[in-house]
Amino acid sequence: MAEYENDLKKLKRLELVDVIDRLQEELEQAKQENAELKSRLEARTLDVANAGSLAEAALELNRVFEAAQAAADQYLENIKEQQAGAKERAEEELAQAREQAEKMRRMAGADAVQITSQAKREAEQILQKAREDASRMASDVLSMIENFVNTSRTRTGEDKGAQAAPEES
């Protein structure tokens, strides 16, 4: 660290301002990457919610975390090339990003469980209603068949009686 301080002391003000500007640009890029990763993670969270299965959600989250890790690794490499002081700030931001990503992963997992449970409850309700409807329809069909049979018997008896009556006369 002392050698960097000596190097910095040798730089002119304009050069120092240039170094600061570059570091600020890199910090801004890192913040943009972080925001982009958050946005992508939120989009993936919605995808996971629609996936319908915890296994699919876990696989999707792994892909998101791999992308986040790759971006974080690239960011760290760029910072190492600039200065040791910038490296420390980057490591702090990375730790925060990982912490946020972990929180989001836990929330996404909890959401996936909740959505899956809700879907199961709704499926059971739909199935129960379908069973009730089927039972009601079966009862209606049986009633219709019984009415038809009774009506047919009654008509058959009337037809026999009508045919038998002319023969008796």
C-alpha atoms as a PDB file:
ATOM      1  CA  MET A   1       0.000   0.000   0.000  1.00  0.00           C
ATOM      2  CA  ALA A   2       2.893   2.309   0.739  1.00  0.00           C
ATOM      3  CA  GLU A   3       4.243   1.936  -2.783  1.00  0.00           C
ATOM      4  CA  TYR A   4       0.839   2.982  -4.213  1.00  0.00           C
ATOM      5  CA  GLU A   5       0.851   6.039  -1.978  1.00  0.00           C
ATOM      6  CA  ASN A   6       4.297   6.954  -3.280  1.00  0.00           C
ATOM      7  CA  ASP A   7       3.102   6.451  -6.839  1.00  0.00           C
ATOM      8  CA  LEU A   8       0.059   8.617  -6.152  1.00  0.00           C
ATOM      9  CA  LYS A   9       2.220  11.347  -4.593  1.00  0.00           C
ATOM     10  CA  LYS A  10       4.319  11.480  -7.751  1.00  0.00           C
ATOM     11  CA  LEU A  11       1.268  12.046  -9.959  1.00  0.00           C
ATOM     12  CA  LYS A  12       0.181  15.535 -10.905  1.00  0.00           C
ATOM     13  CA  ARG A  13      -3.229  16.803  -9.951  1.00  0.00           C
ATOM     14  CA  LEU A  14      -4.546  16.366 -13.475  1.00  0.00           C
ATOM     15  CA  GLU A  15      -3.353  12.761 -13.496  1.00  0.00           C
ATOM     16  CA  LEU A  16      -4.918  12.163 -10.089  1.00  0.00           C
ATOM     17  CA  VAL A  17      -8.194  13.611 -11.321  1.00  0.00           C
ATOM     18  CA  ASP A  18      -7.945  11.285 -14.327  1.00  0.00           C
ATOM     19  CA  VAL A  19      -7.391   8.272 -12.041  1.00  0.00           C
ATOM     20  CA  ILE A  20     -10.349   9.322  -9.883  1.00  0.00           C
ATOM     21  CA  ASP A  21     -12.529   9.767 -12.970  1.00  0.00           C
ATOM     22  CA  ARG A  22     -11.621   6.291 -14.230  1.00  0.00           C
ATOM     23  CA  LEU A  23     -12.383   4.787 -10.845  1.00  0.00           C
ATOM     24  CA  GLN A  24     -15.723   6.587 -10.695  1.00  0.00           C
ATOM     25  CA  GLU A  25     -16.577   5.313 -14.186  1.00  0.00           C
ATOM     26  CA  GLU A  26     -15.733   1.778 -13.143  1.00  0.00           C
ATOM     27  CA  LEU A  27     -17.796   2.181  -9.988  1.00  0.00           C
ATOM     28  CA  GLU A  28     -20.720   3.424 -12.076  1.00  0.00           C
ATOM     29  CA  GLN A  29     -20.319   0.455 -14.439  1.00  0.00           C
ATOM     30  CA  ALA A  30     -20.305  -1.874 -11.465  1.00  0.00           C
ATOM     31  CA  LYS A  31     -23.477  -0.262 -10.129  1.00  0.00           C
ATOM     32  CA  GLN A  32     -25.120  -0.614 -13.546  1.00  0.00           C
ATOM     33  CA  GLU A  33     -24.080  -4.262 -13.738  1.00  0.00           C
ATOM     34  CA  ASN A  34     -25.452  -4.780 -10.240  1.00  0.00           C
ATOM     35  CA  ALA A  35     -28.753  -3.121 -11.218  1.00  0.00           C
ATOM     36  CA  GLU A  36     -28.905  -5.214 -14.377  1.00  0.00           C
ATOM     37  CA  LEU A  37     -28.260  -8.375 -12.395  1.00  0.00           C
ATOM     38  CA  LYS A  38     -30.963  -7.420  -9.913  1.00  0.00           C
ATOM     39  CA  SER A  39     -33.378  -6.811 -12.777  1.00  0.00           C
ATOM     40  CA  ARG A  40     -32.474 -10.120 -14.382  1.00  0.00           C
ATOM     41  CA  LEU A  41     -32.850 -11.849 -11.034  1.00  0.00           C
ATOM     42  CA  GLU A  42     -36.311 -10.325 -10.559  1.00  0.00           C
ATOM     43  CA  ALA A  43     -37.275 -11.467 -14.059  1.00  0.00           C
ATOM     44  CA  ARG A  44     -35.943 -14.921 -13.297  1.00  0.00           C
ATOM     45  CA  THR A  45     -37.902 -14.903 -10.037  1.00  0.00           C
ATOM     46  CA  LEU A  46     -41.087 -14.378 -12.015  1.00  0.00           C
ATOM     47  CA  ASP A  47     -40.062 -17.135 -14.387  1.00  0.00           C
ATOM     48  CA  VAL A  48     -39.479 -19.374 -11.418  1.00  0.00           C
ATOM     49  CA  ALA A  49     -42.878 -18.563 -10.008  1.00  0.00           C
ATOM     50  CA  ASN A  50     -44.398 -19.618 -13.295  1.00  0.00           C
ATOM     51  CA  ALA A  51     -42.286 -22.727 -13.588  1.00  0.00           C
ATOM     52  CA  GLY A  52     -44.522 -24.676 -11.241  1.00  0.00           C
ATOM     53  CA  SER A  53     -41.871 -26.852  -9.711  1.00  0.00           C
ATOM     54  CA  LEU A  54     -39.216 -26.370  -7.090  1.00  0.00           C
ATOM     55  CA  ALA A  55     -36.693 -28.379  -9.077  1.00  0.00           C
ATOM     56  CA  GLU A  56     -37.130 -26.139 -12.110  1.00  0.00           C
ATOM     57  CA  ALA A  57     -36.929 -23.082  -9.887  1.00  0.00           C
ATOM     58  CA  ALA A  58     -33.669 -24.296  -8.348  1.00  0.00           C
ATOM     59  CA  LEU A  59     -32.154 -24.936 -11.768  1.00  0.00           C
ATOM     60  CA  GLU A  60     -33.225 -21.501 -12.980  1.00  0.00           C
ATOM     61  CA  LEU A  61     -31.775 -19.856  -9.869  1.00  0.00           C
ATOM     62  CA  ASN A  62     -28.483 -21.698 -10.353  1.00  0.00           C
ATOM     63  CA  ARG A  63     -28.216 -20.256 -13.868  1.00  0.00           C
ATOM     64  CA  VAL A  64     -28.892 -16.775 -12.550  1.00  0.00           C
ATOM     65  CA  PHE A  65     -26.291 -17.146  -9.816  1.00  0.00           C
ATOM     66  CA  GLU A  66     -23.745 -18.472 -12.291  1.00  0.00           C
ATOM     67  CA  ALA A  67     -24.303 -15.422 -14.466  1.00  0.00           C
ATOM     68  CA  ALA A  68     -24.082 -13.153 -11.421  1.00  0.00           C
ATOM     69  CA  GLN A  69     -20.892 -14.860 -10.292  1.00  0.00           C
ATOM     70  CA  ALA A  70     -19.351 -14.558 -13.766  1.00  0.00           C
ATOM     71  CA  ALA A  71     -20.178 -10.855 -13.875  1.00  0.00           C
ATOM     72  CA  ALA A  72     -18.804 -10.352 -10.369  1.00  0.00           C
ATOM     73  CA  ASP A  73     -15.573 -12.186 -11.250  1.00  0.00           C
ATOM     74  CA  GLN A  74     -15.094 -10.040 -14.353  1.00  0.00           C
ATOM     75  CA  TYR A  75     -15.739  -6.908 -12.328  1.00  0.00           C
ATOM     76  CA  LEU A  76     -13.154  -7.922  -9.726  1.00  0.00           C
ATOM     77  CA  GLU A  77     -10.533  -8.581 -12.399  1.00  0.00           C
ATOM     78  CA  ASN A  78     -10.948  -5.064 -13.846  1.00  0.00           C
ATOM     79  CA  ILE A  79     -10.672  -3.488 -10.432  1.00  0.00           C
ATOM     80  CA  LYS A  80      -7.482  -5.414  -9.579  1.00  0.00           C
ATOM     81  CA  GLU A  81      -5.840  -3.883 -12.639  1.00  0.00           C
ATOM     82  CA  GLN A  82      -6.492  -0.320 -11.430  1.00  0.00           C
ATOM     83  CA  GLN A  83      -5.586   0.044  -7.759  1.00  0.00           C
ATOM     84  CA  ALA A  84      -5.514  -1.779  -4.475  1.00  0.00           C
ATOM     85  CA  GLY A  85      -7.806   0.787  -2.851  1.00  0.00           C
ATOM     86  CA  ALA A  86     -10.429   0.290  -5.525  1.00  0.00           C
ATOM     87  CA  LYS A  87     -10.100  -3.462  -4.958  1.00  0.00           C
ATOM     88  CA  GLU A  88     -11.203  -3.099  -1.345  1.00  0.00           C
ATOM     89  CA  ARG A  89     -14.291  -1.103  -2.342  1.00  0.00           C
ATOM     90  CA  ALA A  90     -15.145  -3.663  -5.001  1.00  0.00           C
ATOM     91  CA  GLU A  91     -14.909  -6.533  -2.527  1.00  0.00           C
ATOM     92  CA  GLU A  92     -17.301  -4.723  -0.200  1.00  0.00           C
ATOM     93  CA  GLU A  93     -19.779  -4.196  -3.037  1.00  0.00           C
ATOM     94  CA  LEU A  94     -19.429  -7.809  -4.113  1.00  0.00           C
ATOM     95  CA  ALA A  95     -20.179  -9.009  -0.594  1.00  0.00           C
ATOM     96  CA  GLN A  96     -23.276  -6.837  -0.526  1.00  0.00           C
ATOM     97  CA  ALA A  97     -24.349  -8.107  -3.951  1.00  0.00           C
ATOM     98  CA  ARG A  98     -23.897 -11.709  -2.840  1.00  0.00           C
ATOM     99  CA  GLU A  99     -25.815 -11.025   0.331  1.00  0.00           C
ATOM    100  CA  GLN A 100     -28.643  -9.444  -1.651  1.00  0.00           C
ATOM    101  CA  ALA A 101     -28.578 -12.286  -4.172  1.00  0.00           C
ATOM    102  CA  GLU A 102     -28.772 -14.818  -1.336  1.00  0.00           C
ATOM    103  CA  LYS A 103     -31.700 -12.941   0.208  1.00  0.00           C
ATOM    104  CA  MET A 104     -33.421 -12.834  -3.168  1.00  0.00           C
ATOM    105  CA  ARG A 105     -32.737 -16.547  -3.708  1.00  0.00           C
ATOM    106  CA  ARG A 106     -34.281 -17.363  -0.328  1.00  0.00           C
ATOM    107  CA  MET A 107     -37.262 -15.159  -1.105  1.00  0.00           C
ATOM    108  CA  ALA A 108     -37.637 -16.765  -4.538  1.00  0.00           C
ATOM    109  CA  GLY A 109     -37.485 -20.218  -2.980  1.00  0.00           C
ATOM    110  CA  ALA A 110     -40.104 -19.272  -0.429  1.00  0.00           C
ATOM    111  CA  ASP A 111     -42.251 -17.738  -3.158  1.00  0.00           C
ATOM    112  CA  ALA A 112     -41.885 -20.877  -5.264  1.00  0.00           C
ATOM    113  CA  VAL A 113     -43.015 -23.037  -2.335  1.00  0.00           C
ATOM    114  CA  GLN A 114     -45.934 -20.741  -1.657  1.00  0.00           C
ATOM    115  CA  ILE A 115     -46.966 -20.642  -5.317  1.00  0.00           C
ATOM    116  CA  THR A 116     -46.671 -24.417  -5.599  1.00  0.00           C
ATOM    117  CA  SER A 117     -48.795 -24.868  -2.486  1.00  0.00           C
ATOM    118  CA  GLN A 118     -51.382 -22.429  -3.783  1.00  0.00           C
ATOM    119  CA  ALA A 119     -51.454 -24.222  -7.143  1.00  0.00           C
ATOM    120  CA  LYS A 120     -51.957 -27.563  -5.389  1.00  0.00           C
ATOM    121  CA  ARG A 121     -54.793 -26.144  -3.304  1.00  0.00           C
ATOM    122  CA  GLU A 122     -56.447 -24.689  -6.394  1.00  0.00           C
ATOM    123  CA  ALA A 123     -55.994 -27.955  -8.291  1.00  0.00           C
ATOM    124  CA  GLU A 124     -57.618 -29.853  -5.416  1.00  0.00           C
ATOM    125  CA  GLN A 125     -60.517 -27.398  -5.400  1.00  0.00           C
ATOM    126  CA  ILE A 126     -60.964 -27.760  -9.161  1.00  0.00           C
ATOM    127  CA  LEU A 127     -60.757 -31.540  -8.879  1.00  0.00           C
ATOM    128  CA  GLN A 128     -63.299 -31.574  -6.050  1.00  0.00           C
ATOM    129  CA  LYS A 129     -65.664 -29.362  -8.046  1.00  0.00           C
ATOM    130  CA  ALA A 130     -65.217 -31.584 -11.096  1.00  0.00           C
ATOM    131  CA  ARG A 131     -66.016 -34.642  -8.990  1.00  0.00           C
ATOM    132  CA  GLU A 132     -69.116 -32.961  -7.594  1.00  0.00           C
ATOM    133  CA  ASP A 133     -70.197 -31.871 -11.080  1.00  0.00           C
ATOM    134  CA  ALA A 134     -69.601 -35.383 -12.445  1.00  0.00           C
ATOM    135  CA  SER A 135     -71.575 -36.913  -9.580  1.00  0.00           C
ATOM    136  CA  ARG A 136     -74.421 -34.462 -10.129  1.00  0.00           C
ATOM    137  CA  MET A 137     -74.397 -35.141 -13.869  1.00  0.00           C
ATOM    138  CA  ALA A 138     -74.372 -38.892 -13.288  1.00  0.00           C
ATOM    139  CA  SER A 139     -77.374 -38.527 -10.963  1.00  0.00           C
ATOM    140  CA  ASP A 140     -79.163 -36.397 -13.564  1.00  0.00           C
ATOM    141  CA  VAL A 141     -78.450 -38.943 -16.311  1.00  0.00           C
ATOM    142  CA  LEU A 142     -79.668 -41.796 -14.094  1.00  0.00           C
ATOM    143  CA  SER A 143     -82.848 -39.856 -13.335  1.00  0.00           C
ATOM    144  CA  MET A 144     -83.372 -39.199 -17.020  1.00  0.00           C
ATOM    145  CA  ILE A 145     -82.854 -42.884 -17.837  1.00  0.00           C
ATOM    146  CA  GLU A 146     -85.279 -43.936 -15.077  1.00  0.00           C
ATOM    147  CA  ASN A 147     -87.865 -41.443 -16.366  1.00  0.00           C
ATOM    148  CA  PHE A 148     -87.355 -42.731 -19.893  1.00  0.00           C
ATOM    149  CA  VAL A 149     -87.714 -46.354 -18.817  1.00  0.00           C
ATOM    150  CA  ASN A 150     -90.813 -45.570 -16.745  1.00  0.00           C
ATOM    151  CA  THR A 151     -92.322 -43.572 -19.580  1.00  0.00           C
ATOM    152  CA  SER A 152     -91.504 -46.351 -22.040  1.00  0.00           C
ATOM    153  CA  ARG A 153     -93.109 -48.947 -19.734  1.00  0.00           C
ATOM    154  CA  THR A 154     -96.156 -46.811 -19.299  1.00  0.00           C
ATOM    155  CA  ARG A 155     -96.467 -46.274 -23.040  1.00  0.00           C
ATOM    156  CA  THR A 156     -95.846 -49.941 -23.754  1.00  0.00           C
ATOM    157  CA  GLY A 157     -98.593 -50.841 -21.284  1.00  0.00           C
ATOM    158  CA  GLU A 158    -100.936 -48.288 -22.914  1.00  0.00           C
ATOM    159  CA  ASP A 159    -100.074 -49.634 -26.371  1.00  0.00           C
ATOM    160  CA  LYS A 160    -100.831 -53.242 -25.255  1.00  0.00           C
ATOM    161  CA  GLY A 161    -104.035 -52.077 -23.626  1.00  0.00           C
ATOM    162  CA  ALA A 162    -105.045 -50.185 -26.759  1.00  0.00           C
ATOM    163  CA  GLN A 163    -104.272 -53.200 -28.927  1.00  0.00           C
ATOM    164  CA  ALA A 164    -106.029 -55.572 -26.548  1.00  0.00           C
ATOM    165  CA  ALA A 165    -109.199 -53.464 -26.371  1.00  0.00           C
ATOM    166  CA  PRO A 166    -110.228 -53.860 -30.050  1.00  0.00           C
ATOM    167  CA  GLU A 167    -109.678 -57.587 -29.876  1.00  0.00           C
ATOM    168  CA  GLU A 168    -112.063 -57.926 -26.911  1.00  0.00           C
ATOM    169  CA  SER A 169    -114.924 -56.259 -28.723  1.00  0.00           C
END
